[in-house]
Amino acid sequence: LNTKGFKRLSDDSPVDITQLSEDDKQGLFYKDEPYTTKKLHQRLIITYSPKYAAYEKAVRAEQIARAEKMVANGAVKRQRKNPNDPARFVNKVAVTNEGEKAKIHYYLDTDKIAEEEMYDGLYAVCTDLLDDNVADILKVSEGRWQIEDCFRTMKTDFEARPVYLNREDRIKPHFLTCFLALLHFRLLNRSLKGTYTTEQLLHTCLLY
């Protein structure tokens, strides 16, 4: 959370992220620090994106508005583990009047809101690639969602798992078939410029 020590990713020039110009608000900034544990030498790359900070602030504003409605209407639902649940901004306290049974009072937790705001626009990547260029590491990190999306498509839409096979000569062809299906699916999706969702494409393919 220390705002000092950031550099502009495009030219490595030092930048005070608390005093950014309008031109800088579309850029990306970083600082690179050692993060060595007892077992492994690592580096911690912390990035700050004003554009992402504005996005997070806008999303949170909508969630706060929903939390305020919950408090006003007395319709506070049970908090779930979902980090985007507006109910996380609602806290409660038991109030008693002269020995009477305690009543639950719900209120907007401004401390929780302020705590989350401190991290707006910040992201951290920990790596043991000590000599690699920061820009290259960040580029790979930004593309991880594509890998995760492929795994999700394989497991969910292509039903690659669970695998009811025991012999290696049958397991390998199973995953080869799944991989080839994924490859053709991605090529089709690219040719259509990502216009359709996975579900829409698979439904159309099954029809024909």
Protein backbone atom coordinates (compact mmCIF):
# COMPACT_ATOMS: atom_id res chain seq x y z
CA LEU A 1 0.00 0.00 0.00
CA ASN A 2 3.03 2.29 0.04
CA THR A 3 2.47 4.67 -2.90
CA LYS A 4 6.18 5.52 -3.26
CA GLY A 5 8.59 3.79 -5.63
CA PHE A 6 6.30 3.29 -8.64
CA LYS A 7 7.55 3.56 -12.23
CA ARG A 8 5.78 4.00 -15.54
CA LEU A 9 5.79 0.63 -17.33
CA SER A 10 6.32 2.18 -20.76
CA ASP A 11 9.60 3.95 -19.97
CA ASP A 12 10.57 3.05 -16.35
CA SER A 13 10.43 6.70 -15.27
CA PRO A 14 9.56 7.34 -11.58
CA VAL A 15 5.95 8.41 -10.99
CA ASP A 16 3.97 9.66 -8.02
CA ILE A 17 0.70 7.73 -8.46
CA THR A 18 -1.08 10.18 -6.13
CA GLN A 19 -0.41 13.02 -8.60
CA LEU A 20 -1.22 11.55 -12.01
CA SER A 21 -2.05 13.70 -15.03
CA GLU A 22 -4.99 12.99 -17.32
CA ASP A 23 -2.64 11.44 -19.89
CA ASP A 24 -1.21 9.06 -17.28
CA LYS A 25 -4.62 7.79 -16.19
CA GLN A 26 -4.69 5.37 -19.12
CA GLY A 27 -1.27 3.91 -18.30
CA LEU A 28 0.10 1.18 -16.07
CA PHE A 29 2.61 1.63 -13.26
CA TYR A 30 4.66 -0.82 -11.23
CA LYS A 31 7.25 -1.34 -8.55
CA ASP A 32 9.49 -4.38 -8.23
CA GLU A 33 10.56 -5.57 -4.79
CA PRO A 34 12.38 -8.65 -3.43
CA TYR A 35 10.16 -11.15 -1.67
CA THR A 36 12.42 -13.93 -0.43
CA THR A 37 11.21 -16.68 1.85
CA LYS A 38 13.34 -19.27 3.66
CA LYS A 39 13.02 -21.70 0.77
CA LEU A 40 12.76 -19.59 -2.38
CA HIS A 41 14.14 -16.34 -3.82
CA GLN A 42 11.26 -14.41 -5.36
CA ARG A 43 10.24 -10.96 -6.49
CA LEU A 44 6.95 -9.17 -5.94
CA ILE A 45 5.70 -6.99 -8.79
CA ILE A 46 2.98 -4.58 -7.68
CA THR A 47 1.04 -2.82 -10.44
CA TYR A 48 -1.32 0.16 -10.30
CA SER A 49 -3.86 0.92 -13.01
CA PRO A 50 -5.92 4.15 -12.68
CA LYS A 51 -8.39 2.76 -15.21
CA TYR A 52 -8.89 -0.41 -13.17
CA ALA A 53 -9.16 1.66 -9.98
CA ALA A 54 -12.00 3.70 -11.52
CA TYR A 55 -13.74 0.48 -12.60
CA GLU A 56 -13.51 -1.03 -9.11
CA LYS A 57 -14.79 2.19 -7.57
CA ALA A 58 -17.80 2.26 -9.92
CA VAL A 59 -18.66 -1.39 -9.21
CA ARG A 60 -18.38 -0.83 -5.46
CA ALA A 61 -20.61 2.26 -5.65
CA GLU A 62 -23.41 0.12 -7.08
CA GLN A 63 -22.88 -2.51 -4.38
CA ILE A 64 -22.94 0.14 -1.64
CA ALA A 65 -26.22 1.50 -3.02
CA ARG A 66 -27.71 -2.00 -2.82
CA ALA A 67 -26.37 -2.43 0.72
CA GLU A 68 -27.97 0.87 1.76
CA LYS A 69 -31.32 -0.36 0.43
CA MET A 70 -30.93 -3.56 2.45
CA VAL A 71 -30.39 -1.54 5.62
CA ALA A 72 -33.25 0.87 4.87
CA ASN A 73 -35.72 -1.91 4.07
CA GLY A 74 -34.55 -4.21 6.85
CA ALA A 75 -34.05 -6.94 4.25
CA VAL A 76 -30.50 -7.91 5.12
CA LYS A 77 -29.70 -11.33 3.79
CA ARG A 78 -27.18 -13.71 5.18
CA GLN A 79 -23.64 -12.91 4.14
CA ARG A 80 -22.15 -15.33 1.66
CA LYS A 81 -18.54 -16.07 0.78
CA ASN A 82 -18.90 -14.29 -2.55
CA PRO A 83 -16.51 -11.28 -2.40
CA ASN A 84 -18.92 -9.26 -4.56
CA ASP A 85 -21.91 -9.71 -2.24
CA PRO A 86 -23.22 -6.23 -1.23
CA ALA A 87 -24.15 -7.68 2.19
CA ARG A 88 -20.46 -7.61 3.12
CA PHE A 89 -20.86 -3.85 3.65
CA VAL A 90 -23.63 -4.39 6.21
CA ASN A 91 -22.76 -4.91 9.85
CA LYS A 92 -24.95 -5.39 12.91
CA VAL A 93 -25.01 -4.54 16.58
CA ALA A 94 -27.30 -5.70 19.40
CA VAL A 95 -29.09 -2.81 21.12
CA THR A 96 -30.88 -3.12 24.48
CA ASN A 97 -33.24 -0.67 26.18
CA GLU A 98 -33.28 -0.87 30.00
CA GLY A 99 -32.89 -4.64 30.23
CA GLU A 100 -35.27 -5.42 27.36
CA LYS A 101 -34.53 -8.12 24.85
CA ALA A 102 -31.74 -7.09 22.52
CA LYS A 103 -32.73 -5.92 19.06
CA ILE A 104 -30.47 -6.31 16.07
CA HIS A 105 -29.57 -3.02 14.42
CA TYR A 106 -28.05 -3.13 10.92
CA TYR A 107 -25.83 -0.35 9.60
CA LEU A 108 -23.54 0.44 6.69
CA ASP A 109 -19.98 -0.57 7.58
CA THR A 110 -17.94 2.45 6.41
CA ASP A 111 -14.73 0.97 7.83
CA LYS A 112 -15.11 -2.07 5.55
CA ILE A 113 -15.69 0.21 2.57
CA ALA A 114 -12.60 2.31 3.37
CA GLU A 115 -10.50 -0.83 3.79
CA GLU A 116 -11.42 -2.11 0.33
CA GLU A 117 -10.88 1.31 -1.28
CA MET A 118 -7.20 1.22 -0.29
CA TYR A 119 -6.60 -1.60 -2.79
CA ASP A 120 -8.34 -0.02 -5.79
CA GLY A 121 -6.25 -0.39 -8.93
CA LEU A 122 -3.56 -2.48 -7.25
CA TYR A 123 -2.53 -5.99 -8.27
CA ALA A 124 0.45 -8.11 -7.22
CA VAL A 125 2.34 -10.88 -9.01
CA CYS A 126 4.84 -13.05 -7.14
CA THR A 127 7.39 -14.89 -9.27
CA ASP A 128 10.77 -16.62 -9.09
CA LEU A 129 11.73 -15.34 -12.57
CA LEU A 130 14.33 -13.00 -11.12
CA ASP A 131 15.97 -11.89 -14.38
CA ASP A 132 12.95 -11.61 -16.68
CA ASN A 133 11.60 -8.29 -17.92
CA VAL A 134 8.69 -6.91 -15.88
CA ALA A 135 6.63 -6.16 -18.98
CA ASP A 136 7.01 -9.76 -20.20
CA ILE A 137 5.96 -11.20 -16.83
CA LEU A 138 2.90 -8.94 -16.66
CA LYS A 139 1.92 -9.84 -20.23
CA VAL A 140 1.92 -13.56 -19.36
CA SER A 141 0.03 -12.89 -16.12
CA GLU A 142 -2.67 -10.92 -17.95
CA GLY A 143 -3.23 -13.88 -20.28
CA ARG A 144 -3.82 -16.42 -17.50
CA TRP A 145 -7.59 -15.93 -17.74
CA GLN A 146 -7.48 -17.48 -21.22
CA ILE A 147 -5.83 -20.63 -19.86
CA GLU A 148 -8.34 -20.84 -17.02
CA ASP A 149 -11.18 -20.31 -19.49
CA CYS A 150 -9.91 -23.21 -21.59
CA PHE A 151 -9.82 -25.51 -18.57
CA ARG A 152 -13.34 -24.44 -17.63
CA THR A 153 -14.61 -25.12 -21.15
CA MET A 154 -12.92 -28.54 -21.20
CA LYS A 155 -14.29 -29.62 -17.83
CA THR A 156 -17.76 -28.10 -18.00
CA ASP A 157 -18.86 -27.80 -21.63
CA PHE A 158 -16.86 -30.68 -23.13
CA GLU A 159 -17.30 -32.86 -20.02
CA ALA A 160 -13.66 -33.97 -20.08
CA ARG A 161 -14.02 -34.92 -16.41
CA PRO A 162 -14.77 -37.16 -14.64
CA VAL A 163 -12.92 -39.79 -16.67
CA TYR A 164 -14.34 -43.29 -16.35
CA LEU A 165 -11.28 -44.94 -17.88
CA ASN A 166 -8.45 -46.99 -16.40
CA ARG A 167 -6.17 -47.96 -19.26
CA GLU A 168 -3.57 -45.49 -20.46
CA ASP A 169 -4.24 -46.32 -24.12
CA ARG A 170 -7.81 -45.10 -23.60
CA ILE A 171 -7.14 -42.14 -21.30
CA LYS A 172 -4.73 -40.49 -23.75
CA PRO A 173 -7.12 -40.66 -26.75
CA HIS A 174 -9.89 -39.25 -24.54
CA PHE A 175 -7.93 -36.11 -23.69
CA LEU A 176 -6.53 -35.85 -27.21
CA THR A 177 -10.10 -35.78 -28.53
CA CYS A 178 -11.03 -33.13 -25.95
CA PHE A 179 -8.00 -31.03 -26.89
CA LEU A 180 -8.72 -31.23 -30.62
CA ALA A 181 -12.34 -30.28 -29.96
CA LEU A 182 -11.15 -27.29 -27.93
CA LEU A 183 -8.71 -26.26 -30.67
CA HIS A 184 -11.41 -26.33 -33.36
CA PHE A 185 -13.80 -24.52 -31.04
CA ARG A 186 -11.28 -21.72 -30.40
CA LEU A 187 -10.57 -21.35 -34.12
CA LEU A 188 -14.29 -21.13 -34.81
CA ASN A 189 -14.73 -18.58 -32.03
CA ARG A 190 -11.87 -16.48 -33.42
CA SER A 191 -13.28 -16.55 -36.97
CA LEU A 192 -16.59 -15.29 -35.57
CA LYS A 193 -14.70 -12.58 -33.63
CA GLY A 194 -16.08 -13.72 -30.27
CA THR A 195 -19.64 -12.70 -31.19
CA TYR A 196 -21.27 -15.70 -29.55
CA THR A 197 -21.01 -17.33 -26.14
CA THR A 198 -19.67 -20.84 -25.60
CA GLU A 199 -23.18 -22.14 -24.95
CA GLN A 200 -24.56 -20.58 -28.16
CA LEU A 201 -21.79 -22.02 -30.32
CA LEU A 202 -22.04 -25.52 -28.87
CA HIS A 203 -25.83 -25.50 -29.21
CA THR A 204 -25.56 -24.52 -32.88
CA CYS A 205 -22.88 -27.14 -33.55
CA LEU A 206 -25.04 -29.85 -32.01
CA LEU A 207 -28.00 -28.83 -34.21
CA TYR A 208 -25.97 -29.28 -37.37
